[in-house]
């Protein structure tokens, strides 16, 4: 589970300004952190099908945000990819 402190830390790393909580970069970073946490949970609890479904939904949501960002702002997209260590 993503605690408030962890979430604030993730937001600080990628936010564009002090009150930025809804930009695609922040949403992608939060989803990535939640995906990492849930992946480690599923390694321990392989039969947890409900959490697996949630994980797949989060991955699809993150992919949609990345696709939007790549189309609308390629520079911001490449910056987020490098910061979070996703593709390439």
C-alpha atoms as a PDB file:
ATOM      1  CA  UNK A   1       0.000   0.000   0.000  1.00  0.00           C
ATOM      2  CA  UNK A   2       1.208   3.455  -0.857  1.00  0.00           C
ATOM      3  CA  UNK A   3       1.340   5.560   2.307  1.00  0.00           C
ATOM      4  CA  UNK A   4       0.931   9.324   2.320  1.00  0.00           C
ATOM      5  CA  UNK A   5       4.652   9.912   2.922  1.00  0.00           C
ATOM      6  CA  UNK A   6       5.690   7.582   0.099  1.00  0.00           C
ATOM      7  CA  UNK A   7       3.215   9.237  -2.220  1.00  0.00           C
ATOM      8  CA  UNK A   8       4.501  12.722  -1.338  1.00  0.00           C
ATOM      9  CA  UNK A   9       8.075  11.561  -1.989  1.00  0.00           C
ATOM     10  CA  UNK A  10       7.126  10.190  -5.409  1.00  0.00           C
ATOM     11  CA  UNK A  11       5.273  13.398  -6.267  1.00  0.00           C
ATOM     12  CA  UNK A  12       8.274  15.556  -5.259  1.00  0.00           C
ATOM     13  CA  UNK A  13      10.552  13.621  -7.593  1.00  0.00           C
ATOM     14  CA  UNK A  14       8.572  14.308 -10.762  1.00  0.00           C
ATOM     15  CA  UNK A  15       6.316  17.297 -10.086  1.00  0.00           C
ATOM     16  CA  UNK A  16       6.634  20.381 -12.241  1.00  0.00           C
ATOM     17  CA  UNK A  17       5.788  22.839  -9.441  1.00  0.00           C
ATOM     18  CA  UNK A  18       4.838  22.835  -5.764  1.00  0.00           C
ATOM     19  CA  UNK A  19       1.140  22.079  -6.090  1.00  0.00           C
ATOM     20  CA  UNK A  20       1.384  19.676  -9.027  1.00  0.00           C
ATOM     21  CA  UNK A  21      -0.597  16.548  -8.210  1.00  0.00           C
ATOM     22  CA  UNK A  22      -2.522  15.819 -11.401  1.00  0.00           C
ATOM     23  CA  UNK A  23      -0.096  16.127 -14.279  1.00  0.00           C
ATOM     24  CA  UNK A  24       0.508  13.021 -16.386  1.00  0.00           C
ATOM     25  CA  UNK A  25       4.050  12.764 -15.014  1.00  0.00           C
ATOM     26  CA  UNK A  26       2.839  12.593 -11.419  1.00  0.00           C
ATOM     27  CA  UNK A  27       0.084  10.139 -12.262  1.00  0.00           C
ATOM     28  CA  UNK A  28       2.545   7.881 -14.098  1.00  0.00           C
ATOM     29  CA  UNK A  29       4.989   8.005 -11.181  1.00  0.00           C
ATOM     30  CA  UNK A  30       2.312   7.124  -8.616  1.00  0.00           C
ATOM     31  CA  UNK A  31       1.009   4.280 -10.776  1.00  0.00           C
ATOM     32  CA  UNK A  32       4.558   2.977 -11.247  1.00  0.00           C
ATOM     33  CA  UNK A  33       5.152   2.920  -7.488  1.00  0.00           C
ATOM     34  CA  UNK A  34       1.833   1.152  -6.871  1.00  0.00           C
ATOM     35  CA  UNK A  35       2.637  -1.367  -9.621  1.00  0.00           C
ATOM     36  CA  UNK A  36       6.025  -2.117  -8.051  1.00  0.00           C
ATOM     37  CA  UNK A  37       4.458  -2.627  -4.613  1.00  0.00           C
ATOM     38  CA  UNK A  38       1.706  -4.856  -5.962  1.00  0.00           C
ATOM     39  CA  UNK A  39       4.188  -6.884  -8.004  1.00  0.00           C
ATOM     40  CA  UNK A  40       6.176  -7.731  -4.887  1.00  0.00           C
ATOM     41  CA  UNK A  41       2.919  -8.666  -3.109  1.00  0.00           C
ATOM     42  CA  UNK A  42       1.962 -11.004  -5.944  1.00  0.00           C
ATOM     43  CA  UNK A  43       5.344 -12.726  -5.826  1.00  0.00           C
ATOM     44  CA  UNK A  44       4.536 -13.798  -2.260  1.00  0.00           C
ATOM     45  CA  UNK A  45       0.827 -14.439  -2.874  1.00  0.00           C
ATOM     46  CA  UNK A  46       0.591 -16.064  -6.276  1.00  0.00           C
ATOM     47  CA  UNK A  47      -3.069 -17.085  -5.927  1.00  0.00           C
ATOM     48  CA  UNK A  48      -4.359 -13.578  -5.244  1.00  0.00           C
ATOM     49  CA  UNK A  49      -6.361 -13.205  -8.446  1.00  0.00           C
ATOM     50  CA  UNK A  50      -8.213 -10.050  -7.388  1.00  0.00           C
ATOM     51  CA  UNK A  51      -4.971  -8.147  -6.846  1.00  0.00           C
ATOM     52  CA  UNK A  52      -3.652  -9.439 -10.164  1.00  0.00           C
ATOM     53  CA  UNK A  53      -6.685  -7.956 -11.911  1.00  0.00           C
ATOM     54  CA  UNK A  54      -6.063  -4.624 -10.205  1.00  0.00           C
ATOM     55  CA  UNK A  55      -2.431  -4.764 -11.278  1.00  0.00           C
ATOM     56  CA  UNK A  56      -3.411  -5.304 -14.903  1.00  0.00           C
ATOM     57  CA  UNK A  57      -5.797  -2.350 -14.722  1.00  0.00           C
ATOM     58  CA  UNK A  58      -3.052  -0.129 -13.306  1.00  0.00           C
ATOM     59  CA  UNK A  59      -0.617  -1.214 -16.023  1.00  0.00           C
ATOM     60  CA  UNK A  60      -3.197  -0.391 -18.706  1.00  0.00           C
ATOM     61  CA  UNK A  61      -3.899   2.980 -17.090  1.00  0.00           C
ATOM     62  CA  UNK A  62      -0.189   3.825 -16.927  1.00  0.00           C
ATOM     63  CA  UNK A  63       0.229   2.786 -20.555  1.00  0.00           C
ATOM     64  CA  UNK A  64      -2.614   5.127 -21.571  1.00  0.00           C
ATOM     65  CA  UNK A  65      -1.032   8.022 -19.656  1.00  0.00           C
ATOM     66  CA  UNK A  66       2.341   7.320 -21.288  1.00  0.00           C
ATOM     67  CA  UNK A  67       0.770   7.170 -24.729  1.00  0.00           C
ATOM     68  CA  UNK A  68      -0.976  10.509 -24.155  1.00  0.00           C
ATOM     69  CA  UNK A  69       2.207  12.149 -22.885  1.00  0.00           C
ATOM     70  CA  UNK A  70       4.272  10.777 -25.772  1.00  0.00           C
ATOM     71  CA  UNK A  71       1.808  12.216 -28.278  1.00  0.00           C
ATOM     72  CA  UNK A  72       1.283  15.606 -26.629  1.00  0.00           C
ATOM     73  CA  UNK A  73       4.735  16.382 -25.159  1.00  0.00           C
ATOM     74  CA  UNK A  74       7.602  14.160 -26.375  1.00  0.00           C
ATOM     75  CA  UNK A  75      10.264  15.937 -24.291  1.00  0.00           C
ATOM     76  CA  UNK A  76       8.306  15.509 -21.063  1.00  0.00           C
ATOM     77  CA  UNK A  77       7.680  11.872 -22.034  1.00  0.00           C
ATOM     78  CA  UNK A  78      11.381  11.110 -22.446  1.00  0.00           C
ATOM     79  CA  UNK A  79      12.161  12.881 -19.154  1.00  0.00           C
ATOM     80  CA  UNK A  80       9.613  10.787 -17.252  1.00  0.00           C
ATOM     81  CA  UNK A  81      10.852   7.580 -18.847  1.00  0.00           C
ATOM     82  CA  UNK A  82      14.425   8.337 -17.756  1.00  0.00           C
ATOM     83  CA  UNK A  83      13.460   9.409 -14.216  1.00  0.00           C
ATOM     84  CA  UNK A  84      11.335   6.333 -13.561  1.00  0.00           C
ATOM     85  CA  UNK A  85      13.542   3.852 -15.385  1.00  0.00           C
ATOM     86  CA  UNK A  86      10.743   2.551 -17.580  1.00  0.00           C
ATOM     87  CA  UNK A  87      11.311   1.551 -21.221  1.00  0.00           C
ATOM     88  CA  UNK A  88      14.581   1.851 -23.124  1.00  0.00           C
END
